[in-house]
PDB file of N, CA and C in Angstrom:
ATOM      1  N   MET A   1      96.069 161.147 138.003  1.00  0.00           N
ATOM      2  CA  MET A   1      97.224 160.898 139.637  1.00  0.00           C
ATOM      3  C   MET A   1      97.839 160.243 139.449  1.00  0.00           C
ATOM      4  N   SER A   2      98.575 159.908 140.435  1.00  0.00           N
ATOM      5  CA  SER A   2      99.722 158.867 139.972  1.00  0.00           C
ATOM      6  C   SER A   2      98.974 157.860 141.442  1.00  0.00           C
ATOM      7  N   ALA A   3      99.549 156.564 141.468  1.00  0.00           N
ATOM      8  CA  ALA A   3      98.727 156.089 143.203  1.00  0.00           C
ATOM      9  C   ALA A   3      99.508 156.351 144.096  1.00  0.00           C
ATOM     10  N   PRO A   4     100.532 157.149 144.307  1.00  0.00           N
ATOM     11  CA  PRO A   4     101.457 157.774 145.840  1.00  0.00           C
ATOM     12  C   PRO A   4     100.703 159.478 145.652  1.00  0.00           C
ATOM     13  N   GLU A   5      99.955 160.433 144.952  1.00  0.00           N
ATOM     14  CA  GLU A   5      99.413 161.269 144.949  1.00  0.00           C
ATOM     15  C   GLU A   5      98.229 160.774 145.130  1.00  0.00           C
ATOM     16  N   ASN A   6      97.644 160.110 144.898  1.00  0.00           N
ATOM     17  CA  ASN A   6      96.058 159.868 145.621  1.00  0.00           C
ATOM     18  C   ASN A   6      96.299 160.034 146.562  1.00  0.00           C
ATOM     19  N   ILE A   7      97.023 158.675 147.045  1.00  0.00           N
ATOM     20  CA  ILE A   7      97.336 158.239 148.640  1.00  0.00           C
ATOM     21  C   ILE A   7      97.994 159.429 149.282  1.00  0.00           C
ATOM     22  N   ALA A   8      98.489 160.523 148.940  1.00  0.00           N
ATOM     23  CA  ALA A   8      98.971 161.256 149.160  1.00  0.00           C
ATOM     24  C   ALA A   8      97.661 162.058 150.281  1.00  0.00           C
ATOM     25  N   LEU A   9      96.803 162.970 148.304  1.00  0.00           N
ATOM     26  CA  LEU A   9      95.408 163.819 148.567  1.00  0.00           C
ATOM     27  C   LEU A   9      94.650 162.672 149.971  1.00  0.00           C
ATOM     28  N   VAL A  10      94.244 161.853 150.279  1.00  0.00           N
ATOM     29  CA  VAL A  10      93.634 160.770 151.745  1.00  0.00           C
ATOM     30  C   VAL A  10      93.933 160.954 152.472  1.00  0.00           C
ATOM     31  N   ARG A  11      95.765 160.144 152.682  1.00  0.00           N
ATOM     32  CA  ARG A  11      96.109 161.278 154.217  1.00  0.00           C
ATOM     33  C   ARG A  11      95.999 161.905 154.640  1.00  0.00           C
ATOM     34  N   ARG A  12      95.957 164.101 153.480  1.00  0.00           N
ATOM     35  CA  ARG A  12      95.533 164.479 154.075  1.00  0.00           C
ATOM     36  C   ARG A  12      94.082 164.779 154.979  1.00  0.00           C
ATOM     37  N   PHE A  13      93.874 164.329 154.631  1.00  0.00           N
ATOM     38  CA  PHE A  13      92.159 164.394 154.583  1.00  0.00           C
ATOM     39  C   PHE A  13      92.313 163.503 155.541  1.00  0.00           C
ATOM     40  N   TYR A  14      92.110 162.609 156.003  1.00  0.00           N
ATOM     41  CA  TYR A  14      92.358 161.709 157.467  1.00  0.00           C
ATOM     42  C   TYR A  14      93.131 162.298 158.539  1.00  0.00           C
ATOM     43  N   ALA A  15      93.884 163.011 158.147  1.00  0.00           N
ATOM     44  CA  ALA A  15      95.385 163.812 158.748  1.00  0.00           C
ATOM     45  C   ALA A  15      94.258 165.442 158.775  1.00  0.00           C
ATOM     46  N   SER A  16      93.143 165.990 158.704  1.00  0.00           N
ATOM     47  CA  SER A  16      92.965 166.995 158.902  1.00  0.00           C
ATOM     48  C   SER A  16      91.619 166.316 159.729  1.00  0.00           C
ATOM     49  N   ARG A  17      91.552 165.382 160.512  1.00  0.00           N
ATOM     50  CA  ARG A  17      90.536 165.074 161.335  1.00  0.00           C
ATOM     51  C   ARG A  17      88.729 165.467 160.992  1.00  0.00           C
ATOM     52  N   VAL A  18      89.279 165.424 158.834  1.00  0.00           N
ATOM     53  CA  VAL A  18      87.757 165.832 158.373  1.00  0.00           C
ATOM     54  C   VAL A  18      87.171 167.384 158.839  1.00  0.00           C
ATOM     55  N   ALA A  19      87.850 168.239 158.360  1.00  0.00           N
ATOM     56  CA  ALA A  19      88.304 169.614 158.329  1.00  0.00           C
ATOM     57  C   ALA A  19      87.064 170.106 157.734  1.00  0.00           C
ATOM     58  N   PRO A  20      86.391 170.486 157.716  1.00  0.00           N
ATOM     59  CA  PRO A  20      84.982 171.140 156.718  1.00  0.00           C
ATOM     60  C   PRO A  20      86.195 172.201 155.108  1.00  0.00           C
ATOM     61  N   GLU A  21      86.618 172.719 155.721  1.00  0.00           N
ATOM     62  CA  GLU A  21      87.394 173.527 154.442  1.00  0.00           C
ATOM     63  C   GLU A  21      88.392 172.355 153.535  1.00  0.00           C
ATOM     64  N   VAL A  22      88.754 171.357 154.054  1.00  0.00           N
ATOM     65  CA  VAL A  22      90.182 170.430 153.815  1.00  0.00           C
ATOM     66  C   VAL A  22      88.639 169.402 152.914  1.00  0.00           C
ATOM     67  N   PHE A  23      87.644 169.082 153.383  1.00  0.00           N
ATOM     68  CA  PHE A  23      86.734 167.850 152.782  1.00  0.00           C
ATOM     69  C   PHE A  23      86.197 169.090 151.597  1.00  0.00           C
ATOM     70  N   GLN A  24      85.905 170.296 151.671  1.00  0.00           N
ATOM     71  CA  GLN A  24      84.893 170.968 150.576  1.00  0.00           C
ATOM     72  C   GLN A  24      86.809 170.587 149.443  1.00  0.00           C
ATOM     73  N   GLU A  25      88.005 170.664 149.506  1.00  0.00           N
ATOM     74  CA  GLU A  25      88.743 171.349 149.082  1.00  0.00           C
ATOM     75  C   GLU A  25      89.120 170.510 147.878  1.00  0.00           C
ATOM     76  N   VAL A  26      89.540 168.589 149.300  1.00  0.00           N
ATOM     77  CA  VAL A  26      89.032 167.154 148.365  1.00  0.00           C
ATOM     78  C   VAL A  26      88.682 166.574 147.809  1.00  0.00           C
ATOM     79  N   MET A  27      87.366 166.727 147.900  1.00  0.00           N
ATOM     80  CA  MET A  27      85.628 165.695 147.732  1.00  0.00           C
ATOM     81  C   MET A  27      85.099 166.451 146.398  1.00  0.00           C
ATOM     82  N   ASP A  28      85.267 165.605 145.348  1.00  0.00           N
ATOM     83  CA  ASP A  28      84.123 166.205 144.547  1.00  0.00           C
ATOM     84  C   ASP A  28      83.115 165.889 144.236  1.00  0.00           C
ATOM     85  N   PRO A  29      82.926 167.772 143.504  1.00  0.00           N
ATOM     86  CA  PRO A  29      81.372 168.312 143.757  1.00  0.00           C
ATOM     87  C   PRO A  29      80.175 167.217 143.995  1.00  0.00           C
ATOM     88  N   GLU A  30      80.618 166.282 142.674  1.00  0.00           N
ATOM     89  CA  GLU A  30      79.942 165.298 142.411  1.00  0.00           C
ATOM     90  C   GLU A  30      79.543 163.751 142.973  1.00  0.00           C
ATOM     91  N   LEU A  31      80.316 164.280 144.339  1.00  0.00           N
ATOM     92  CA  LEU A  31      80.733 162.558 145.046  1.00  0.00           C
ATOM     93  C   LEU A  31      79.422 161.655 145.728  1.00  0.00           C
ATOM     94  N   VAL A  32      78.751 160.210 145.807  1.00  0.00           N
ATOM     95  CA  VAL A  32      77.920 159.474 145.743  1.00  0.00           C
ATOM     96  C   VAL A  32      78.431 159.450 147.387  1.00  0.00           C
ATOM     97  N   TRP A  33      77.646 159.384 148.429  1.00  0.00           N
ATOM     98  CA  TRP A  33      78.528 158.575 149.574  1.00  0.00           C
ATOM     99  C   TRP A  33      76.828 158.060 150.470  1.00  0.00           C
ATOM    100  N   GLY A  34      78.047 156.776 149.905  1.00  0.00           N
ATOM    101  CA  GLY A  34      76.654 155.617 150.884  1.00  0.00           C
ATOM    102  C   GLY A  34      77.235 155.674 152.143  1.00  0.00           C
ATOM    103  N   ILE A  35      76.188 155.360 153.100  1.00  0.00           N
ATOM    104  CA  ILE A  35      76.055 155.256 154.853  1.00  0.00           C
ATOM    105  C   ILE A  35      75.415 154.123 154.747  1.00  0.00           C
ATOM    106  N   THR A  36      75.510 153.514 156.063  1.00  0.00           N
ATOM    107  CA  THR A  36      74.729 152.296 155.788  1.00  0.00           C
ATOM    108  C   THR A  36      73.576 152.515 156.327  1.00  0.00           C
ATOM    109  N   PRO A  37      72.160 152.177 155.779  1.00  0.00           N
ATOM    110  CA  PRO A  37      70.962 152.167 156.743  1.00  0.00           C
ATOM    111  C   PRO A  37      70.428 151.835 157.996  1.00  0.00           C
ATOM    112  N   GLY A  38      70.964 152.863 159.337  1.00  0.00           N
ATOM    113  CA  GLY A  38      70.651 152.299 160.323  1.00  0.00           C
ATOM    114  C   GLY A  38      70.967 153.300 161.257  1.00  0.00           C
ATOM    115  N   PHE A  39      72.316 153.610 160.326  1.00  0.00           N
ATOM    116  CA  PHE A  39      73.686 154.770 161.386  1.00  0.00           C
ATOM    117  C   PHE A  39      72.720 155.636 161.123  1.00  0.00           C
ATOM    118  N   PRO A  40      73.085 156.592 162.000  1.00  0.00           N
ATOM    119  CA  PRO A  40      72.796 158.089 161.904  1.00  0.00           C
ATOM    120  C   PRO A  40      73.166 158.922 161.163  1.00  0.00           C
ATOM    121  N   GLY A  41      72.623 159.217 159.866  1.00  0.00           N
ATOM    122  CA  GLY A  41      72.073 159.886 158.656  1.00  0.00           C
ATOM    123  C   GLY A  41      72.710 158.811 157.975  1.00  0.00           C
ATOM    124  N   GLY A  42      72.309 157.698 157.923  1.00  0.00           N
ATOM    125  CA  GLY A  42      72.259 156.345 156.892  1.00  0.00           C
ATOM    126  C   GLY A  42      71.898 156.837 155.744  1.00  0.00           C
ATOM    127  N   GLY A  43      72.172 156.522 155.210  1.00  0.00           N
ATOM    128  CA  GLY A  43      71.146 156.194 152.798  1.00  0.00           C
ATOM    129  C   GLY A  43      72.494 156.685 151.584  1.00  0.00           C
ATOM    130  N   VAL A  44      71.773 157.159 151.220  1.00  0.00           N
ATOM    131  CA  VAL A  44      73.256 157.413 149.737  1.00  0.00           C
ATOM    132  C   VAL A  44      72.226 159.147 150.187  1.00  0.00           C
ATOM    133  N   HIS A  45      73.524 159.535 150.130  1.00  0.00           N
ATOM    134  CA  HIS A  45      73.990 161.878 150.268  1.00  0.00           C
ATOM    135  C   HIS A  45      74.934 161.163 148.631  1.00  0.00           C
ATOM    136  N   HIS A  46      74.231 162.737 148.059  1.00  0.00           N
ATOM    137  CA  HIS A  46      74.911 163.280 146.871  1.00  0.00           C
ATOM    138  C   HIS A  46      74.927 164.802 147.069  1.00  0.00           C
ATOM    139  N   GLY A  47      76.511 164.788 146.821  1.00  0.00           N
ATOM    140  CA  GLY A  47      77.661 166.261 146.804  1.00  0.00           C
ATOM    141  C   GLY A  47      78.137 166.529 148.505  1.00  0.00           C
ATOM    142  N   PRO A  48      79.268 167.233 148.578  1.00  0.00           N
ATOM    143  CA  PRO A  48      79.399 166.817 149.621  1.00  0.00           C
ATOM    144  C   PRO A  48      78.933 167.949 151.237  1.00  0.00           C
ATOM    145  N   GLN A  49      77.509 169.043 150.307  1.00  0.00           N
ATOM    146  CA  GLN A  49      76.805 168.953 150.840  1.00  0.00           C
ATOM    147  C   GLN A  49      75.777 168.500 151.077  1.00  0.00           C
ATOM    148  N   SER A  50      75.303 167.308 150.991  1.00  0.00           N
ATOM    149  CA  SER A  50      74.527 167.211 151.473  1.00  0.00           C
ATOM    150  C   SER A  50      74.840 165.303 152.651  1.00  0.00           C
ATOM    151  N   VAL A  51      76.391 165.018 152.006  1.00  0.00           N
ATOM    152  CA  VAL A  51      77.290 164.527 153.438  1.00  0.00           C
ATOM    153  C   VAL A  51      77.096 165.491 154.131  1.00  0.00           C
ATOM    154  N   GLY A  52      77.695 166.837 154.322  1.00  0.00           N
ATOM    155  CA  GLY A  52      77.237 167.458 155.642  1.00  0.00           C
ATOM    156  C   GLY A  52      76.509 167.968 156.862  1.00  0.00           C
ATOM    157  N   ARG A  53      75.798 167.895 155.642  1.00  0.00           N
ATOM    158  CA  ARG A  53      74.223 168.660 156.224  1.00  0.00           C
ATOM    159  C   ARG A  53      73.342 167.140 156.705  1.00  0.00           C
ATOM    160  N   ASP A  54      73.572 166.087 155.988  1.00  0.00           N
ATOM    161  CA  ASP A  54      72.380 164.863 156.066  1.00  0.00           C
ATOM    162  C   ASP A  54      73.266 163.600 156.800  1.00  0.00           C
ATOM    163  N   PHE A  55      74.588 163.695 156.257  1.00  0.00           N
ATOM    164  CA  PHE A  55      75.557 162.476 157.444  1.00  0.00           C
ATOM    165  C   PHE A  55      75.916 162.917 158.705  1.00  0.00           C
ATOM    166  N   SER A  56      76.905 164.271 158.438  1.00  0.00           N
ATOM    167  CA  SER A  56      77.814 164.565 159.606  1.00  0.00           C
ATOM    168  C   SER A  56      76.956 165.652 160.461  1.00  0.00           C
ATOM    169  N   GLY A  57      75.608 165.771 160.205  1.00  0.00           N
ATOM    170  CA  GLY A  57      74.741 167.518 161.248  1.00  0.00           C
ATOM    171  C   GLY A  57      73.933 165.774 162.110  1.00  0.00           C
ATOM    172  N   PRO A  58      73.306 164.832 161.568  1.00  0.00           N
ATOM    173  CA  PRO A  58      72.725 164.055 162.673  1.00  0.00           C
ATOM    174  C   PRO A  58      73.505 163.565 163.441  1.00  0.00           C
ATOM    175  N   LEU A  59      74.816 162.476 162.653  1.00  0.00           N
ATOM    176  CA  LEU A  59      75.533 161.632 163.643  1.00  0.00           C
ATOM    177  C   LEU A  59      76.432 162.968 164.767  1.00  0.00           C
ATOM    178  N   MET A  60      76.938 163.743 165.030  1.00  0.00           N
ATOM    179  CA  MET A  60      77.381 164.759 165.602  1.00  0.00           C
ATOM    180  C   MET A  60      76.318 165.153 166.403  1.00  0.00           C
ATOM    181  N   GLU A  61      75.505 164.859 165.775  1.00  0.00           N
ATOM    182  CA  GLU A  61      74.126 164.904 167.387  1.00  0.00           C
ATOM    183  C   GLU A  61      74.898 163.788 168.509  1.00  0.00           C
ATOM    184  N   ASN A  62      74.962 162.979 168.631  1.00  0.00           N
ATOM    185  CA  ASN A  62      75.492 162.136 169.399  1.00  0.00           C
ATOM    186  C   ASN A  62      76.973 161.521 170.041  1.00  0.00           C
ATOM    187  N   PHE A  63      77.892 162.684 169.281  1.00  0.00           N
ATOM    188  CA  PHE A  63      78.819 163.246 169.882  1.00  0.00           C
ATOM    189  C   PHE A  63      79.748 163.441 169.762  1.00  0.00           C
ATOM    190  N   ASP A  64      80.432 164.545 170.803  1.00  0.00           N
ATOM    191  CA  ASP A  64      81.542 165.850 170.991  1.00  0.00           C
ATOM    192  C   ASP A  64      82.978 165.284 169.674  1.00  0.00           C
ATOM    193  N   THR A  65      82.833 164.120 169.656  1.00  0.00           N
ATOM    194  CA  THR A  65      84.706 163.765 168.294  1.00  0.00           C
ATOM    195  C   THR A  65      83.684 162.885 168.001  1.00  0.00           C
ATOM    196  N   PHE A  66      84.662 163.198 166.570  1.00  0.00           N
ATOM    197  CA  PHE A  66      84.182 162.021 165.551  1.00  0.00           C
ATOM    198  C   PHE A  66      85.139 161.804 164.118  1.00  0.00           C
ATOM    199  N   TYR A  67      86.154 160.930 163.808  1.00  0.00           N
ATOM    200  CA  TYR A  67      86.550 161.085 162.888  1.00  0.00           C
ATOM    201  C   TYR A  67      87.652 160.188 162.957  1.00  0.00           C
ATOM    202  N   PRO A  68      87.633 159.906 161.852  1.00  0.00           N
ATOM    203  CA  PRO A  68      88.550 158.846 160.745  1.00  0.00           C
ATOM    204  C   PRO A  68      89.908 159.027 160.880  1.00  0.00           C
ATOM    205  N   VAL A  69      90.391 157.423 161.857  1.00  0.00           N
ATOM    206  CA  VAL A  69      91.977 157.532 161.967  1.00  0.00           C
ATOM    207  C   VAL A  69      92.338 156.454 160.729  1.00  0.00           C
ATOM    208  N   GLY A  70      92.872 157.329 159.251  1.00  0.00           N
ATOM    209  CA  GLY A  70      93.568 155.581 158.812  1.00  0.00           C
ATOM    210  C   GLY A  70      94.653 155.649 159.658  1.00  0.00           C
ATOM    211  N   GLU A  71      95.058 154.583 158.910  1.00  0.00           N
ATOM    212  CA  GLU A  71      95.824 153.666 159.445  1.00  0.00           C
ATOM    213  C   GLU A  71      96.498 152.842 158.628  1.00  0.00           C
ATOM    214  N   GLU A  72      96.539 152.434 156.896  1.00  0.00           N
ATOM    215  CA  GLU A  72      97.014 151.807 156.256  1.00  0.00           C
ATOM    216  C   GLU A  72      96.387 152.132 154.460  1.00  0.00           C
ATOM    217  N   TYR A  73      97.222 152.650 153.626  1.00  0.00           N
ATOM    218  CA  TYR A  73      96.497 153.135 152.281  1.00  0.00           C
ATOM    219  C   TYR A  73      96.977 152.509 151.509  1.00  0.00           C
ATOM    220  N   PHE A  74      96.632 151.981 150.636  1.00  0.00           N
ATOM    221  CA  PHE A  74      96.495 151.287 149.446  1.00  0.00           C
ATOM    222  C   PHE A  74      95.902 151.708 148.513  1.00  0.00           C
ATOM    223  N   ALA A  75      96.621 151.726 146.468  1.00  0.00           N
ATOM    224  CA  ALA A  75      95.512 152.157 145.494  1.00  0.00           C
ATOM    225  C   ALA A  75      95.770 151.116 144.465  1.00  0.00           C
ATOM    226  N   ASP A  76      94.912 151.269 144.264  1.00  0.00           N
ATOM    227  CA  ASP A  76      94.811 150.381 142.357  1.00  0.00           C
ATOM    228  C   ASP A  76      94.766 150.969 141.464  1.00  0.00           C
ATOM    229  N   GLY A  77      94.909 150.718 140.238  1.00  0.00           N
ATOM    230  CA  GLY A  77      95.533 151.121 139.085  1.00  0.00           C
ATOM    231  C   GLY A  77      94.551 151.920 138.800  1.00  0.00           C
ATOM    232  N   GLU A  78      93.558 152.222 139.144  1.00  0.00           N
ATOM    233  CA  GLU A  78      92.216 152.876 138.369  1.00  0.00           C
ATOM    234  C   GLU A  78      91.354 154.354 139.286  1.00  0.00           C
ATOM    235  N   ASP A  79      92.456 155.141 140.535  1.00  0.00           N
ATOM    236  CA  ASP A  79      92.312 156.186 140.812  1.00  0.00           C
ATOM    237  C   ASP A  79      91.683 155.657 142.178  1.00  0.00           C
ATOM    238  N   HIS A  80      91.661 154.848 143.136  1.00  0.00           N
ATOM    239  CA  HIS A  80      90.928 153.856 143.869  1.00  0.00           C
ATOM    240  C   HIS A  80      91.857 153.994 144.820  1.00  0.00           C
ATOM    241  N   VAL A  81      91.771 154.920 145.743  1.00  0.00           N
ATOM    242  CA  VAL A  81      92.106 154.565 146.997  1.00  0.00           C
ATOM    243  C   VAL A  81      91.225 153.797 147.949  1.00  0.00           C
ATOM    244  N   PHE A  82      91.738 152.939 149.248  1.00  0.00           N
ATOM    245  CA  PHE A  82      91.422 151.876 150.787  1.00  0.00           C
ATOM    246  C   PHE A  82      92.406 152.374 150.997  1.00  0.00           C
ATOM    247  N   ALA A  83      91.239 152.717 152.149  1.00  0.00           N
ATOM    248  CA  ALA A  83      91.836 153.336 153.947  1.00  0.00           C
ATOM    249  C   ALA A  83      91.797 152.191 155.729  1.00  0.00           C
ATOM    250  N   LEU A  84      92.370 151.625 155.935  1.00  0.00           N
ATOM    251  CA  LEU A  84      91.925 150.896 156.431  1.00  0.00           C
ATOM    252  C   LEU A  84      92.183 151.396 157.624  1.00  0.00           C
ATOM    253  N   GLY A  85      91.199 152.056 158.929  1.00  0.00           N
ATOM    254  CA  GLY A  85      91.564 152.435 160.294  1.00  0.00           C
ATOM    255  C   GLY A  85      90.444 152.307 161.256  1.00  0.00           C
ATOM    256  N   HIS A  86      90.360 153.148 161.363  1.00  0.00           N
ATOM    257  CA  HIS A  86      88.951 153.221 163.206  1.00  0.00           C
ATOM    258  C   HIS A  86      88.880 154.758 163.190  1.00  0.00           C
ATOM    259  N   TYR A  87      87.249 154.942 163.855  1.00  0.00           N
ATOM    260  CA  TYR A  87      86.954 155.877 164.451  1.00  0.00           C
ATOM    261  C   TYR A  87      87.698 155.602 166.361  1.00  0.00           C
ATOM    262  N   HIS A  88      87.933 157.570 165.593  1.00  0.00           N
ATOM    263  CA  HIS A  88      87.852 158.596 166.649  1.00  0.00           C
ATOM    264  C   HIS A  88      86.321 158.810 167.742  1.00  0.00           C
ATOM    265  N   THR A  89      85.636 158.376 168.761  1.00  0.00           N
ATOM    266  CA  THR A  89      84.684 159.270 169.007  1.00  0.00           C
ATOM    267  C   THR A  89      85.258 159.332 170.414  1.00  0.00           C
ATOM    268  N   VAL A  90      83.683 160.171 171.008  1.00  0.00           N
ATOM    269  CA  VAL A  90      84.136 160.717 172.478  1.00  0.00           C
ATOM    270  C   VAL A  90      82.189 160.740 171.727  1.00  0.00           C
ATOM    271  N   SER A  91      81.817 160.249 172.831  1.00  0.00           N
ATOM    272  CA  SER A  91      79.998 160.160 173.040  1.00  0.00           C
ATOM    273  C   SER A  91      79.976 161.369 174.337  1.00  0.00           C
ATOM    274  N   ARG A  92      78.252 161.927 173.249  1.00  0.00           N
ATOM    275  CA  ARG A  92      77.654 162.788 174.602  1.00  0.00           C
ATOM    276  C   ARG A  92      77.377 162.497 175.333  1.00  0.00           C
ATOM    277  N   ARG A  93      76.926 161.412 175.939  1.00  0.00           N
ATOM    278  CA  ARG A  93      76.216 160.808 176.500  1.00  0.00           C
ATOM    279  C   ARG A  93      77.774 160.009 178.019  1.00  0.00           C
ATOM    280  N   GLY A  94      78.570 159.949 177.485  1.00  0.00           N
ATOM    281  CA  GLY A  94      80.264 159.809 178.597  1.00  0.00           C
ATOM    282  C   GLY A  94      80.829 159.211 177.804  1.00  0.00           C
ATOM    283  N   GLY A  95      82.176 159.470 178.053  1.00  0.00           N
ATOM    284  CA  GLY A  95      83.645 158.688 177.723  1.00  0.00           C
ATOM    285  C   GLY A  95      83.561 158.442 176.519  1.00  0.00           C
ATOM    286  N   ASP A  96      84.870 158.207 176.152  1.00  0.00           N
ATOM    287  CA  ASP A  96      84.785 157.249 174.861  1.00  0.00           C
ATOM    288  C   ASP A  96      84.106 156.387 174.310  1.00  0.00           C
ATOM    289  N   GLY A  97      84.440 156.467 173.433  1.00  0.00           N
ATOM    290  CA  GLY A  97      83.407 155.775 172.392  1.00  0.00           C
ATOM    291  C   GLY A  97      84.222 153.705 171.976  1.00  0.00           C
ATOM    292  N   ARG A  98      83.641 152.782 171.109  1.00  0.00           N
ATOM    293  CA  ARG A  98      84.280 151.620 170.931  1.00  0.00           C
ATOM    294  C   ARG A  98      84.909 152.202 169.709  1.00  0.00           C
ATOM    295  N   ARG A  99      85.953 151.039 169.190  1.00  0.00           N
ATOM    296  CA  ARG A  99      87.045 151.864 168.431  1.00  0.00           C
ATOM    297  C   ARG A  99      86.410 151.250 167.175  1.00  0.00           C
ATOM    298  N   GLN A 100      85.824 151.396 165.920  1.00  0.00           N
ATOM    299  CA  GLN A 100      84.882 150.852 165.255  1.00  0.00           C
ATOM    300  C   GLN A 100      86.003 150.734 164.118  1.00  0.00           C
ATOM    301  N   VAL A 101      86.193 149.636 163.540  1.00  0.00           N
ATOM    302  CA  VAL A 101      87.004 149.493 162.590  1.00  0.00           C
ATOM    303  C   VAL A 101      85.838 150.172 161.056  1.00  0.00           C
ATOM    304  N   HIS A 102      86.719 150.164 159.853  1.00  0.00           N
ATOM    305  CA  HIS A 102      86.020 150.652 158.729  1.00  0.00           C
ATOM    306  C   HIS A 102      87.333 150.008 157.654  1.00  0.00           C
ATOM    307  N   ALA A 103      86.851 150.948 156.046  1.00  0.00           N
ATOM    308  CA  ALA A 103      87.327 150.125 155.329  1.00  0.00           C
ATOM    309  C   ALA A 103      86.804 150.967 154.042  1.00  0.00           C
ATOM    310  N   PRO A 104      86.476 152.613 153.780  1.00  0.00           N
ATOM    311  CA  PRO A 104      86.180 153.066 152.821  1.00  0.00           C
ATOM    312  C   PRO A 104      87.132 152.664 151.041  1.00  0.00           C
ATOM    313  N   VAL A 105      86.229 152.795 150.194  1.00  0.00           N
ATOM    314  CA  VAL A 105      87.186 152.762 148.928  1.00  0.00           C
ATOM    315  C   VAL A 105      87.076 154.446 148.739  1.00  0.00           C
ATOM    316  N   ASP A 106      87.950 155.273 148.465  1.00  0.00           N
ATOM    317  CA  ASP A 106      87.845 156.439 148.819  1.00  0.00           C
ATOM    318  C   ASP A 106      88.405 156.560 147.570  1.00  0.00           C
ATOM    319  N   ARG A 107      87.728 157.468 145.591  1.00  0.00           N
ATOM    320  CA  ARG A 107      88.278 157.573 144.800  1.00  0.00           C
ATOM    321  C   ARG A 107      88.729 159.088 144.241  1.00  0.00           C
ATOM    322  N   PRO A 108      89.552 159.598 144.731  1.00  0.00           N
ATOM    323  CA  PRO A 108      90.284 160.581 144.231  1.00  0.00           C
ATOM    324  C   PRO A 108      89.719 160.961 142.887  1.00  0.00           C
TER     325      PRO A 108
END
């Protein structure tokens, strides 16, 4: 895929607010997703099912709402997309969470 096509795919993922059906459609079945140890569901997850079960499940126990908001997207010549943005969160303990900046590397 071209850089603009890769960026469009990642934008679609972010715009969906990580809807499960879009997640399953756009993610590689062999993806490896690394989450910082100590963060809920932290560790290395292999495949979309593991991400949903072992990361998203524990994470959503703490939040009513949690999704990434992409603000800027960049692509290199090797099928990598870099998304800069933040997370929108609403804690189950009440109120909006803090703005948490993230910079994942997505490889469509």
